[in-house]
Amino acid sequence: MKKLIGLLIAAMIFSAVSFAQDSTDMTMHHHKDCIRMKKGKMMVMKSGQWWELSQDTTLNGTTVTTSGTVKKQDGSTIQLSEGEGVDMNGNMMAKKKGMKKSS
């Protein structure tokens, strides 16, 4: 009986741990609102949900285009590469840690 209870407890713990693991690369463990280049598309994260950027957007004077071009207030432009993005204040963000280089 003790072995059965121990086995059931171990199974429940294993199940809880496996459900808690993240299965998609589109979900970040911390939910910071941003616009990021993902798989060649500009993606918006807002409140933990991702969707594709459907139109050019201006954030605090910085314009982000659907093609990944960022035009800053000072007139300079940057083309985002995979994993790069801007936060909702228009500040540049580095690539997400742990991102794999595409081959």
Protein backbone atom coordinates (compact mmCIF):
# COMPACT_ATOMS: atom_id res chain seq x y z
CA MET A 1 0.00 0.00 0.00
CA LYS A 2 2.84 2.41 0.88
CA LYS A 3 4.51 1.68 -2.46
CA LEU A 4 1.26 2.42 -4.31
CA ILE A 5 0.81 5.76 -2.53
CA GLY A 6 4.45 6.66 -3.17
CA LEU A 7 4.08 5.76 -6.83
CA LEU A 8 0.92 7.88 -7.16
CA ILE A 9 2.60 10.88 -5.51
CA ALA A 10 5.63 10.54 -7.80
CA ALA A 11 3.34 10.32 -10.85
CA MET A 12 1.45 13.47 -9.79
CA ILE A 13 4.68 15.42 -9.29
CA PHE A 14 6.05 14.26 -12.65
CA SER A 15 2.77 15.27 -14.34
CA ALA A 16 2.80 18.73 -12.75
CA VAL A 17 6.40 19.34 -13.84
CA SER A 18 5.80 18.19 -17.41
CA PHE A 19 2.69 20.39 -17.80
CA ALA A 20 4.60 23.40 -16.48
CA GLN A 21 7.23 23.14 -19.24
CA ASP A 22 6.96 25.46 -22.21
CA SER A 23 6.31 23.72 -25.52
CA THR A 24 6.43 26.63 -27.98
CA ASP A 25 9.20 29.05 -28.84
CA MET A 26 6.68 31.88 -29.17
CA THR A 27 6.11 32.03 -25.40
CA MET A 28 8.59 33.75 -23.14
CA HIS A 29 8.84 32.91 -19.45
CA HIS A 30 8.56 36.58 -18.60
CA HIS A 31 5.83 38.47 -20.40
CA LYS A 32 7.35 41.76 -21.49
CA ASP A 33 5.26 43.64 -24.04
CA CYS A 34 7.28 44.19 -27.19
CA ILE A 35 7.49 43.87 -30.97
CA ARG A 36 10.06 41.31 -32.11
CA MET A 37 11.26 39.67 -35.33
CA LYS A 38 10.28 35.98 -35.11
CA LYS A 39 10.80 33.57 -38.00
CA GLY A 40 11.03 36.46 -40.45
CA LYS A 41 7.77 38.10 -39.30
CA MET A 42 7.19 41.02 -37.00
CA MET A 43 5.33 39.74 -33.96
CA VAL A 44 3.67 41.70 -31.16
CA MET A 45 3.57 40.44 -27.57
CA LYS A 46 0.95 42.07 -25.40
CA SER A 47 -0.14 40.64 -22.04
CA GLY A 48 1.54 37.32 -22.78
CA GLN A 49 -0.18 36.81 -26.17
CA TRP A 50 1.58 36.87 -29.58
CA TRP A 51 0.14 38.02 -32.91
CA GLU A 52 1.56 39.23 -36.20
CA LEU A 53 2.06 42.98 -36.66
CA SER A 54 -0.55 43.92 -39.27
CA GLN A 55 0.40 47.56 -39.90
CA ASP A 56 3.26 49.97 -39.28
CA THR A 57 3.18 51.17 -35.67
CA THR A 58 4.58 54.22 -33.91
CA LEU A 59 5.81 53.80 -30.34
CA ASN A 60 6.86 56.98 -28.55
CA GLY A 61 8.04 58.52 -31.85
CA THR A 62 9.79 55.36 -33.09
CA THR A 63 8.12 53.74 -36.11
CA VAL A 64 8.22 49.96 -36.54
CA THR A 65 7.22 48.60 -39.96
CA THR A 66 5.77 45.20 -40.79
CA SER A 67 9.01 44.43 -42.68
CA GLY A 68 11.15 44.96 -39.57
CA THR A 69 12.53 48.42 -40.28
CA VAL A 70 12.73 50.69 -37.23
CA LYS A 71 12.90 54.45 -37.79
CA LYS A 72 13.94 56.28 -34.63
CA GLN A 73 12.99 59.82 -33.68
CA ASP A 74 16.45 61.09 -34.64
CA GLY A 75 15.87 59.86 -38.23
CA SER A 76 18.18 56.85 -38.08
CA THR A 77 16.88 53.53 -39.38
CA ILE A 78 17.68 49.98 -38.32
CA GLN A 79 16.68 46.70 -39.96
CA LEU A 80 15.84 44.15 -37.26
CA SER A 81 17.25 40.65 -37.52
CA GLU A 82 15.85 37.45 -36.00
CA GLY A 83 15.17 37.86 -32.28
CA GLU A 84 15.72 41.62 -32.15
CA GLY A 85 12.91 43.98 -31.29
CA VAL A 86 11.66 47.11 -29.57
CA ASP A 87 9.79 47.55 -26.33
CA MET A 88 6.53 49.50 -26.16
CA ASN A 89 8.47 52.70 -25.45
CA GLY A 90 10.36 52.39 -28.74
CA ASN A 91 13.64 51.30 -27.12
CA MET A 92 15.75 48.69 -28.91
CA MET A 93 15.89 45.23 -27.34
CA ALA A 94 18.68 42.70 -27.79
CA LYS A 95 18.07 39.16 -28.98
CA LYS A 96 16.37 36.93 -26.46
CA LYS A 97 18.89 34.90 -24.46
CA GLY A 98 19.13 31.32 -25.54
CA MET A 99 17.96 31.92 -29.12
CA LYS A 100 19.47 29.48 -31.55
CA LYS A 101 21.09 30.75 -34.73
CA SER A 102 19.24 29.65 -37.84
CA SER A 103 21.34 27.45 -40.11
